[in-house]
Amino acid sequence: MPTTAQEAVKPIKSGDNVFVHSAAAIPRHLIAAMTERHSEVRGVNIYIRYTLKVMLHIRT
């Protein structure tokens, strides 16, 4: 089991698709570790899902 962000992103290879979900918080350390590998991998697609909750109870 990975113990660091750098170890966690080692399996990512060129051409992979990476999905990031920010339900609780964006995993900044993992994203930073991925960007540190920019010279090792090419064509990695990163998809970020960000959910906005419409607040219907607010009156204008």
PDB file of N, CA and C in Angstrom:
ATOM      1  N   MET A   1       0.850  -1.182   0.000  1.00  0.00           N
ATOM      2  CA  MET A   1       0.000   0.000   0.000  1.00  0.00           C
ATOM      3  C   MET A   1       0.894   1.244   0.000  1.00  0.00           C
ATOM      4  N   PRO A   2       0.582   2.231  -0.872  1.00  0.00           N
ATOM      5  CA  PRO A   2       1.405   3.443  -0.937  1.00  0.00           C
ATOM      6  C   PRO A   2       1.400   4.197   0.387  1.00  0.00           C
ATOM      7  N   THR A   3       2.531   4.787   0.707  1.00  0.00           N
ATOM      8  CA  THR A   3       2.617   5.573   1.930  1.00  0.00           C
ATOM      9  C   THR A   3       2.838   7.053   1.658  1.00  0.00           C
ATOM     10  N   THR A   4       3.152   7.396   0.421  1.00  0.00           N
ATOM     11  CA  THR A   4       3.341   8.799   0.070  1.00  0.00           C
ATOM     12  C   THR A   4       2.550   9.098  -1.203  1.00  0.00           C
ATOM     13  N   ALA A   5       2.322  10.369  -1.455  1.00  0.00           N
ATOM     14  CA  ALA A   5       1.626  10.761  -2.683  1.00  0.00           C
ATOM     15  C   ALA A   5       2.436  10.337  -3.905  1.00  0.00           C
ATOM     16  N   GLN A   6       3.761  10.452  -3.828  1.00  0.00           N
ATOM     17  CA  GLN A   6       4.619  10.067  -4.944  1.00  0.00           C
ATOM     18  C   GLN A   6       4.481   8.578  -5.265  1.00  0.00           C
ATOM     19  N   GLU A   7       4.395   7.747  -4.234  1.00  0.00           N
ATOM     20  CA  GLU A   7       4.209   6.310  -4.457  1.00  0.00           C
ATOM     21  C   GLU A   7       2.821   6.009  -5.011  1.00  0.00           C
ATOM     22  N   ALA A   8       1.825   6.776  -4.574  1.00  0.00           N
ATOM     23  CA  ALA A   8       0.450   6.536  -5.008  1.00  0.00           C
ATOM     24  C   ALA A   8       0.260   6.802  -6.494  1.00  0.00           C
ATOM     25  N   VAL A   9       1.026   7.734  -7.070  1.00  0.00           N
ATOM     26  CA  VAL A   9       0.848   8.073  -8.486  1.00  0.00           C
ATOM     27  C   VAL A   9       1.815   7.340  -9.411  1.00  0.00           C
ATOM     28  N   LYS A  10       2.702   6.518  -8.861  1.00  0.00           N
ATOM     29  CA  LYS A  10       3.647   5.769  -9.697  1.00  0.00           C
ATOM     30  C   LYS A  10       2.976   4.889 -10.744  1.00  0.00           C
ATOM     31  N   PRO A  11       1.835   4.254 -10.455  1.00  0.00           N
ATOM     32  CA  PRO A  11       1.207   3.397 -11.471  1.00  0.00           C
ATOM     33  C   PRO A  11       0.649   4.145 -12.683  1.00  0.00           C
ATOM     34  N   ILE A  12       0.516   5.461 -12.606  1.00  0.00           N
ATOM     35  CA  ILE A  12      -0.020   6.223 -13.733  1.00  0.00           C
ATOM     36  C   ILE A  12       0.997   6.201 -14.862  1.00  0.00           C
ATOM     37  N   LYS A  13       0.510   5.804 -16.057  1.00  0.00           N
ATOM     38  CA  LYS A  13       1.394   5.731 -17.212  1.00  0.00           C
ATOM     39  C   LYS A  13       0.855   6.590 -18.349  1.00  0.00           C
ATOM     40  N   SER A  14       1.668   6.805 -19.344  1.00  0.00           N
ATOM     41  CA  SER A  14       1.268   7.627 -20.484  1.00  0.00           C
ATOM     42  C   SER A  14      -0.035   7.114 -21.078  1.00  0.00           C
ATOM     43  N   GLY A  15      -0.921   8.044 -21.414  1.00  0.00           N
ATOM     44  CA  GLY A  15      -2.195   7.700 -22.027  1.00  0.00           C
ATOM     45  C   GLY A  15      -3.306   7.344 -21.056  1.00  0.00           C
ATOM     46  N   ASP A  16      -3.007   7.301 -19.770  1.00  0.00           N
ATOM     47  CA  ASP A  16      -4.034   6.965 -18.773  1.00  0.00           C
ATOM     48  C   ASP A  16      -5.046   8.096 -18.621  1.00  0.00           C
ATOM     49  N   ASN A  17      -6.221   7.733 -18.119  1.00  0.00           N
ATOM     50  CA  ASN A  17      -7.243   8.688 -17.721  1.00  0.00           C
ATOM     51  C   ASN A  17      -7.296   8.687 -16.201  1.00  0.00           C
ATOM     52  N   VAL A  18      -7.236   9.861 -15.605  1.00  0.00           N
ATOM     53  CA  VAL A  18      -7.272   9.990 -14.149  1.00  0.00           C
ATOM     54  C   VAL A  18      -8.504  10.817 -13.788  1.00  0.00           C
ATOM     55  N   PHE A  19      -9.324  10.282 -12.899  1.00  0.00           N
ATOM     56  CA  PHE A  19     -10.534  10.966 -12.461  1.00  0.00           C
ATOM     57  C   PHE A  19     -10.330  11.462 -11.033  1.00  0.00           C
ATOM     58  N   VAL A  20     -10.540  12.752 -10.820  1.00  0.00           N
ATOM     59  CA  VAL A  20     -10.372  13.365  -9.505  1.00  0.00           C
ATOM     60  C   VAL A  20     -11.735  13.872  -9.058  1.00  0.00           C
ATOM     61  N   HIS A  21     -12.140  13.474  -7.874  1.00  0.00           N
ATOM     62  CA  HIS A  21     -13.424  13.922  -7.348  1.00  0.00           C
ATOM     63  C   HIS A  21     -13.164  14.805  -6.144  1.00  0.00           C
ATOM     64  N   SER A  22     -13.887  15.882  -6.058  1.00  0.00           N
ATOM     65  CA  SER A  22     -13.645  16.831  -4.972  1.00  0.00           C
ATOM     66  C   SER A  22     -14.825  16.923  -4.015  1.00  0.00           C
ATOM     67  N   ALA A  23     -15.436  15.792  -3.706  1.00  0.00           N
ATOM     68  CA  ALA A  23     -16.613  15.812  -2.835  1.00  0.00           C
ATOM     69  C   ALA A  23     -16.283  16.403  -1.466  1.00  0.00           C
ATOM     70  N   ALA A  24     -15.198  15.988  -0.875  1.00  0.00           N
ATOM     71  CA  ALA A  24     -14.826  16.500   0.442  1.00  0.00           C
ATOM     72  C   ALA A  24     -13.737  17.560   0.330  1.00  0.00           C
ATOM     73  N   ALA A  25     -12.756  17.278  -0.501  1.00  0.00           N
ATOM     74  CA  ALA A  25     -11.656  18.213  -0.705  1.00  0.00           C
ATOM     75  C   ALA A  25     -10.833  17.735  -1.891  1.00  0.00           C
ATOM     76  N   ILE A  26     -10.268  18.658  -2.630  1.00  0.00           N
ATOM     77  CA  ILE A  26      -9.422  18.284  -3.758  1.00  0.00           C
ATOM     78  C   ILE A  26      -8.120  17.721  -3.189  1.00  0.00           C
ATOM     79  N   PRO A  27      -7.695  16.535  -3.673  1.00  0.00           N
ATOM     80  CA  PRO A  27      -6.459  15.913  -3.150  1.00  0.00           C
ATOM     81  C   PRO A  27      -5.222  16.621  -3.695  1.00  0.00           C
ATOM     82  N   ARG A  28      -4.921  17.783  -3.135  1.00  0.00           N
ATOM     83  CA  ARG A  28      -3.830  18.625  -3.643  1.00  0.00           C
ATOM     84  C   ARG A  28      -2.490  17.909  -3.683  1.00  0.00           C
ATOM     85  N   HIS A  29      -2.204  17.088  -2.671  1.00  0.00           N
ATOM     86  CA  HIS A  29      -0.906  16.403  -2.629  1.00  0.00           C
ATOM     87  C   HIS A  29      -0.771  15.398  -3.768  1.00  0.00           C
ATOM     88  N   LEU A  30      -1.869  14.718  -4.098  1.00  0.00           N
ATOM     89  CA  LEU A  30      -1.828  13.764  -5.211  1.00  0.00           C
ATOM     90  C   LEU A  30      -1.694  14.489  -6.550  1.00  0.00           C
ATOM     91  N   ILE A  31      -2.402  15.590  -6.714  1.00  0.00           N
ATOM     92  CA  ILE A  31      -2.298  16.349  -7.955  1.00  0.00           C
ATOM     93  C   ILE A  31      -0.883  16.906  -8.109  1.00  0.00           C
ATOM     94  N   ALA A  32      -0.310  17.392  -7.026  1.00  0.00           N
ATOM     95  CA  ALA A  32       1.069  17.896  -7.073  1.00  0.00           C
ATOM     96  C   ALA A  32       2.043  16.777  -7.438  1.00  0.00           C
ATOM     97  N   ALA A  33       1.838  15.600  -6.877  1.00  0.00           N
ATOM     98  CA  ALA A  33       2.712  14.457  -7.190  1.00  0.00           C
ATOM     99  C   ALA A  33       2.570  14.060  -8.657  1.00  0.00           C
ATOM    100  N   MET A  34       1.360  14.145  -9.202  1.00  0.00           N
ATOM    101  CA  MET A  34       1.174  13.836 -10.624  1.00  0.00           C
ATOM    102  C   MET A  34       1.922  14.840 -11.493  1.00  0.00           C
ATOM    103  N   THR A  35       1.829  16.117 -11.150  1.00  0.00           N
ATOM    104  CA  THR A  35       2.487  17.130 -11.980  1.00  0.00           C
ATOM    105  C   THR A  35       4.009  17.049 -11.881  1.00  0.00           C
ATOM    106  N   GLU A  36       4.525  16.533 -10.774  1.00  0.00           N
ATOM    107  CA  GLU A  36       5.975  16.339 -10.650  1.00  0.00           C
ATOM    108  C   GLU A  36       6.489  15.327 -11.670  1.00  0.00           C
ATOM    109  N   ARG A  37       5.616  14.464 -12.164  1.00  0.00           N
ATOM    110  CA  ARG A  37       6.009  13.426 -13.119  1.00  0.00           C
ATOM    111  C   ARG A  37       5.812  13.857 -14.569  1.00  0.00           C
ATOM    112  N   HIS A  38       5.632  15.144 -14.821  1.00  0.00           N
ATOM    113  CA  HIS A  38       5.319  15.625 -16.167  1.00  0.00           C
ATOM    114  C   HIS A  38       6.346  15.205 -17.211  1.00  0.00           C
ATOM    115  N   SER A  39       7.591  15.019 -16.831  1.00  0.00           N
ATOM    116  CA  SER A  39       8.605  14.625 -17.820  1.00  0.00           C
ATOM    117  C   SER A  39       8.643  13.105 -18.044  1.00  0.00           C
ATOM    118  N   GLU A  40       7.934  12.335 -17.209  1.00  0.00           N
ATOM    119  CA  GLU A  40       7.944  10.877 -17.313  1.00  0.00           C
ATOM    120  C   GLU A  40       6.778  10.325 -18.121  1.00  0.00           C
ATOM    121  N   VAL A  41       5.659  11.025 -18.127  1.00  0.00           N
ATOM    122  CA  VAL A  41       4.453  10.524 -18.790  1.00  0.00           C
ATOM    123  C   VAL A  41       3.917  11.575 -19.758  1.00  0.00           C
ATOM    124  N   ARG A  42       3.223  11.111 -20.775  1.00  0.00           N
ATOM    125  CA  ARG A  42       2.637  11.998 -21.783  1.00  0.00           C
ATOM    126  C   ARG A  42       1.190  11.600 -22.028  1.00  0.00           C
ATOM    127  N   GLY A  43       0.368  12.579 -22.355  1.00  0.00           N
ATOM    128  CA  GLY A  43      -0.996  12.295 -22.769  1.00  0.00           C
ATOM    129  C   GLY A  43      -1.896  11.761 -21.673  1.00  0.00           C
ATOM    130  N   VAL A  44      -1.637  12.139 -20.437  1.00  0.00           N
ATOM    131  CA  VAL A  44      -2.519  11.737 -19.334  1.00  0.00           C
ATOM    132  C   VAL A  44      -3.680  12.725 -19.290  1.00  0.00           C
ATOM    133  N   ASN A  45      -4.891  12.201 -19.371  1.00  0.00           N
ATOM    134  CA  ASN A  45      -6.096  13.034 -19.297  1.00  0.00           C
ATOM    135  C   ASN A  45      -6.574  13.075 -17.855  1.00  0.00           C
ATOM    136  N   ILE A  46      -6.729  14.277 -17.324  1.00  0.00           N
ATOM    137  CA  ILE A  46      -7.201  14.434 -15.951  1.00  0.00           C
ATOM    138  C   ILE A  46      -8.598  15.039 -16.001  1.00  0.00           C
ATOM    139  N   TYR A  47      -9.549  14.319 -15.431  1.00  0.00           N
ATOM    140  CA  TYR A  47     -10.933  14.760 -15.379  1.00  0.00           C
ATOM    141  C   TYR A  47     -11.259  15.111 -13.932  1.00  0.00           C
ATOM    142  N   ILE A  48     -11.735  16.325 -13.718  1.00  0.00           N
ATOM    143  CA  ILE A  48     -12.072  16.762 -12.367  1.00  0.00           C
ATOM    144  C   ILE A  48     -13.577  16.947 -12.276  1.00  0.00           C
ATOM    145  N   ARG A  49     -14.157  16.300 -11.303  1.00  0.00           N
ATOM    146  CA  ARG A  49     -15.590  16.445 -11.088  1.00  0.00           C
ATOM    147  C   ARG A  49     -15.782  17.392  -9.914  1.00  0.00           C
ATOM    148  N   TYR A  50     -16.482  18.441 -10.186  1.00  0.00           N
ATOM    149  CA  TYR A  50     -16.740  19.441  -9.164  1.00  0.00           C
ATOM    150  C   TYR A  50     -18.238  19.675  -9.132  1.00  0.00           C
ATOM    151  N   THR A  51     -18.840  19.435  -8.005  1.00  0.00           N
ATOM    152  CA  THR A  51     -20.286  19.541  -7.885  1.00  0.00           C
ATOM    153  C   THR A  51     -20.658  20.850  -7.202  1.00  0.00           C
ATOM    154  N   LEU A  52     -21.553  21.569  -7.831  1.00  0.00           N
ATOM    155  CA  LEU A  52     -22.083  22.790  -7.235  1.00  0.00           C
ATOM    156  C   LEU A  52     -23.504  22.514  -6.774  1.00  0.00           C
ATOM    157  N   LYS A  53     -23.782  22.834  -5.554  1.00  0.00           N
ATOM    158  CA  LYS A  53     -25.127  22.636  -5.026  1.00  0.00           C
ATOM    159  C   LYS A  53     -25.912  23.928  -5.199  1.00  0.00           C
ATOM    160  N   VAL A  54     -27.024  23.822  -5.841  1.00  0.00           N
ATOM    161  CA  VAL A  54     -27.892  24.985  -6.014  1.00  0.00           C
ATOM    162  C   VAL A  54     -28.644  25.204  -4.710  1.00  0.00           C
ATOM    163  N   MET A  55     -28.553  26.394  -4.207  1.00  0.00           N
ATOM    164  CA  MET A  55     -29.186  26.694  -2.926  1.00  0.00           C
ATOM    165  C   MET A  55     -30.540  27.324  -3.177  1.00  0.00           C
ATOM    166  N   LEU A  56     -31.555  26.515  -3.221  1.00  0.00           N
ATOM    167  CA  LEU A  56     -32.899  26.984  -3.528  1.00  0.00           C
ATOM    168  C   LEU A  56     -33.557  27.738  -2.374  1.00  0.00           C
ATOM    169  N   HIS A  57     -33.035  27.589  -1.180  1.00  0.00           N
ATOM    170  CA  HIS A  57     -33.663  28.223  -0.035  1.00  0.00           C
ATOM    171  C   HIS A  57     -33.305  29.704   0.114  1.00  0.00           C
ATOM    172  N   ILE A  58     -32.387  30.194  -0.686  1.00  0.00           N
ATOM    173  CA  ILE A  58     -31.999  31.599  -0.608  1.00  0.00           C
ATOM    174  C   ILE A  58     -33.025  32.427  -1.386  1.00  0.00           C
ATOM    175  N   ARG A  59     -33.543  33.419  -0.735  1.00  0.00           N
ATOM    176  CA  ARG A  59     -34.533  34.290  -1.379  1.00  0.00           C
ATOM    177  C   ARG A  59     -33.859  35.571  -1.832  1.00  0.00           C
ATOM    178  N   THR A  60     -34.236  36.031  -3.010  1.00  0.00           N
ATOM    179  CA  THR A  60     -33.649  37.278  -3.521  1.00  0.00           C
ATOM    180  C   THR A  60     -34.594  38.431  -3.324  1.00  0.00           C
TER     181      THR A  60
END
